[in-house]
Each structure stands twice: as C-alpha cells, then as structure tokens.
C-alpha atoms as a PDB file:
ATOM      1  CA  MET A   1       0.056   0.073   0.040  1.00  0.00           C
ATOM      2  CA  ARG A   2       1.271   3.404  -0.903  1.00  0.00           C
ATOM      3  CA  ILE A   3       0.768   6.219   1.550  1.00  0.00           C
ATOM      4  CA  ARG A   4       0.147   9.625   0.018  1.00  0.00           C
ATOM      5  CA  ASN A   5      -0.085  13.216   1.427  1.00  0.00           C
ATOM      6  CA  THR A   6      -3.113  15.435   0.635  1.00  0.00           C
ATOM      7  CA  TYR A   7      -2.603  19.223   0.439  1.00  0.00           C
ATOM      8  CA  GLU A   8      -5.074  21.991   0.229  1.00  0.00           C
ATOM      9  CA  TYR A   9      -4.499  25.490  -1.250  1.00  0.00           C
ATOM     10  CA  TYR A  10      -6.533  28.716  -1.308  1.00  0.00           C
ATOM     11  CA  THR A  11      -5.369  31.055  -3.953  1.00  0.00           C
ATOM     12  CA  GLN A  12      -6.105  34.793  -3.619  1.00  0.00           C
ATOM     13  CA  PRO A  13      -7.275  37.092  -6.485  1.00  0.00           C
ATOM     14  CA  SER A  14      -4.781  38.373  -9.031  1.00  0.00           C
ATOM     15  CA  THR A  15      -2.266  35.691  -8.200  1.00  0.00           C
ATOM     16  CA  VAL A  16       0.126  33.366  -9.994  1.00  0.00           C
ATOM     17  CA  GLU A  17       0.966  30.734  -7.477  1.00  0.00           C
ATOM     18  CA  THR A  18       3.078  27.636  -7.638  1.00  0.00           C
ATOM     19  CA  LEU A  19       1.124  25.072  -5.588  1.00  0.00           C
ATOM     20  CA  TRP A  20       3.373  22.087  -5.846  1.00  0.00           C
ATOM     21  CA  THR A  21       6.915  21.329  -7.319  1.00  0.00           C
ATOM     22  CA  GLY A  22       7.233  17.811  -8.640  1.00  0.00           C
ATOM     23  CA  PRO A  23       4.602  15.179  -9.655  1.00  0.00           C
ATOM     24  CA  GLY A  24       1.224  14.964  -8.207  1.00  0.00           C
ATOM     25  CA  GLU A  25      -2.434  14.699  -8.841  1.00  0.00           C
ATOM     26  CA  LEU A  26      -5.213  17.444  -8.677  1.00  0.00           C
ATOM     27  CA  HIS A  27      -8.577  15.959  -7.467  1.00  0.00           C
ATOM     28  CA  ILE A  28     -10.885  19.034  -6.521  1.00  0.00           C
ATOM     29  CA  ILE A  29     -11.145  22.632  -7.781  1.00  0.00           C
ATOM     30  CA  ILE A  30     -13.607  25.242  -6.527  1.00  0.00           C
ATOM     31  CA  ALA A  31     -13.403  28.578  -8.158  1.00  0.00           C
ATOM     32  CA  THR A  32     -15.468  31.617  -7.685  1.00  0.00           C
ATOM     33  CA  THR A  33     -15.386  35.222  -8.954  1.00  0.00           C
ATOM     34  CA  GLU A  34     -17.069  38.753  -8.230  1.00  0.00           C
ATOM     35  CA  SER A  35     -16.327  39.941 -11.735  1.00  0.00           C
ATOM     36  CA  THR A  36     -19.261  40.965 -13.808  1.00  0.00           C
ATOM     37  CA  THR A  37     -17.724  39.475 -16.814  1.00  0.00           C
ATOM     38  CA  PRO A  38     -16.311  35.900 -17.390  1.00  0.00           C
ATOM     39  CA  VAL A  39     -12.848  35.333 -16.273  1.00  0.00           C
ATOM     40  CA  ILE A  40     -10.254  32.638 -17.095  1.00  0.00           C
ATOM     41  CA  VAL A  41      -8.530  30.470 -14.545  1.00  0.00           C
ATOM     42  CA  THR A  42      -5.553  28.315 -15.765  1.00  0.00           C
ATOM     43  CA  TYR A  43      -3.583  25.488 -14.191  1.00  0.00           C
ATOM     44  CA  HIS A  44      -0.137  24.624 -15.651  1.00  0.00           C
ATOM     45  CA  ASP A  45       1.943  21.584 -15.381  1.00  0.00           C
ATOM     46  CA  ASN A  46       5.061  23.844 -14.492  1.00  0.00           C
ATOM     47  CA  THR A  47       6.449  25.981 -11.739  1.00  0.00           C
ATOM     48  CA  ALA A  48       5.722  29.099 -13.606  1.00  0.00           C
ATOM     49  CA  ALA A  49       2.615  30.397 -15.410  1.00  0.00           C
ATOM     50  CA  SER A  50       3.718  28.972 -18.779  1.00  0.00           C
ATOM     51  CA  GLY A  51       4.264  25.833 -20.553  1.00  0.00           C
ATOM     52  CA  ASN A  52       1.689  22.995 -20.631  1.00  0.00           C
ATOM     53  CA  ALA A  53      -1.789  24.215 -19.782  1.00  0.00           C
ATOM     54  CA  LEU A  54      -3.381  21.220 -17.841  1.00  0.00           C
ATOM     55  CA  LEU A  55      -6.719  23.016 -17.460  1.00  0.00           C
ATOM     56  CA  VAL A  56      -8.233  26.242 -18.672  1.00  0.00           C
ATOM     57  CA  PHE A  57     -11.781  27.354 -17.745  1.00  0.00           C
ATOM     58  CA  ALA A  58     -14.072  30.300 -17.564  1.00  0.00           C
ATOM     59  CA  ILE A  59     -16.270  31.250 -14.732  1.00  0.00           C
ATOM     60  CA  GLN A  60     -18.827  33.972 -14.130  1.00  0.00           C
ATOM     61  CA  SER A  61     -20.079  35.955 -11.181  1.00  0.00           C
ATOM     62  CA  ASN A  62     -22.530  33.960  -9.044  1.00  0.00           C
ATOM     63  CA  ALA A  63     -21.799  30.742 -10.837  1.00  0.00           C
ATOM     64  CA  PRO A  64     -19.028  28.971  -8.977  1.00  0.00           C
ATOM     65  CA  MET A  65     -17.116  26.301 -10.809  1.00  0.00           C
ATOM     66  CA  ILE A  66     -16.765  22.985  -8.844  1.00  0.00           C
ATOM     67  CA  LEU A  67     -14.802  20.166 -10.439  1.00  0.00           C
ATOM     68  CA  ILE A  68     -14.383  16.925  -8.516  1.00  0.00           C
ATOM     69  CA  LEU A  69     -12.278  14.274 -10.360  1.00  0.00           C
ATOM     70  CA  PRO A  70     -12.739  10.620  -9.699  1.00  0.00           C
ATOM     71  CA  ALA A  71      -9.827   9.016  -7.629  1.00  0.00           C
ATOM     72  CA  GLU A  72      -8.943   6.796 -10.681  1.00  0.00           C
ATOM     73  CA  ARG A  73      -8.976   9.718 -13.082  1.00  0.00           C
ATOM     74  CA  PRO A  74      -7.259  12.712 -11.530  1.00  0.00           C
ATOM     75  CA  LEU A  75      -5.524  15.395 -13.387  1.00  0.00           C
ATOM     76  CA  ARG A  76      -1.966  14.336 -13.219  1.00  0.00           C
ATOM     77  CA  PHE A  77       1.021  16.801 -13.451  1.00  0.00           C
ATOM     78  CA  SER A  78       4.649  15.955 -13.533  1.00  0.00           C
ATOM     79  CA  VAL A  79       6.841  19.160 -13.335  1.00  0.00           C
ATOM     80  CA  GLY A  80       4.665  21.062 -10.711  1.00  0.00           C
ATOM     81  CA  LEU A  81       1.351  22.707 -10.464  1.00  0.00           C
ATOM     82  CA  THR A  82       0.864  26.614 -11.097  1.00  0.00           C
ATOM     83  CA  VAL A  83      -2.517  28.307 -10.954  1.00  0.00           C
ATOM     84  CA  THR A  84      -3.273  31.754 -12.368  1.00  0.00           C
ATOM     85  CA  THR A  85      -6.371  33.621 -11.010  1.00  0.00           C
ATOM     86  CA  PRO A  86      -7.508  37.027 -12.354  1.00  0.00           C
ATOM     87  CA  ALA A  87      -8.685  39.884 -10.213  1.00  0.00           C
ATOM     88  CA  SER A  88     -11.668  39.150  -7.843  1.00  0.00           C
ATOM     89  CA  THR A  89     -11.227  35.449  -8.440  1.00  0.00           C
ATOM     90  CA  ARG A  90     -10.407  32.839  -5.872  1.00  0.00           C
ATOM     91  CA  ALA A  91      -9.548  29.097  -6.181  1.00  0.00           C
ATOM     92  CA  TYR A  92      -9.536  26.188  -3.716  1.00  0.00           C
ATOM     93  CA  SER A  93      -7.390  23.229  -4.872  1.00  0.00           C
ATOM     94  CA  LEU A  94      -6.991  19.858  -3.305  1.00  0.00           C
ATOM     95  CA  LEU A  95      -3.992  17.664  -4.660  1.00  0.00           C
ATOM     96  CA  VAL A  96      -2.328  14.498  -3.664  1.00  0.00           C
ATOM     97  CA  ALA A  97       1.388  14.117  -3.866  1.00  0.00           C
END
C-alpha cells in the first residue's frame, strides 16, 4: 500500500501561485469570482505560469465552478502545479502528492 499526502491550497485574487513542485495529482477545484464578466483560470504543469496548460476554464459571477475528479482519473502533473487567478477570483485546490 502506498501512503500519500493530501494538500489544500487557497489562491488569492490576481495571483500566479505555484502550488506544488514535482509530480502529483489534482482532485478538486472550486473557483468563484465577483467579476461581472467571465474570467479565465488556468492550471499549468510547470513551476511558472507558462508551458503545458493542464486545465483552462471560464467562470462567471454568481456561478462557482466546482470540479471533482474521480480518484482513478485525477488531473496528473509531472513538473509542478501553478495556478493563475484573475482579479476578484479565488480558487481552492486539493491535490495529492
């Protein structure tokens, strides 16, 4: 049996944040915005906001985006995990490494 650690991250608005360095799996994302126009949130398989975009999605005000991936089909990353959130947008990320 392999023992793994679970990590939770809360990303502030207008942020480029490296959540993890090295391989891991993303299992849950909850993102909200107060913007009156749609905004784009991006997750990269990198330690910077460039390179391989793993997930890109748009959200609107009063319509939070909740993504729960099955345990057997997580979003896997190998280099690291970096998230970009625009102004007035927050993201909660749960990953396993």
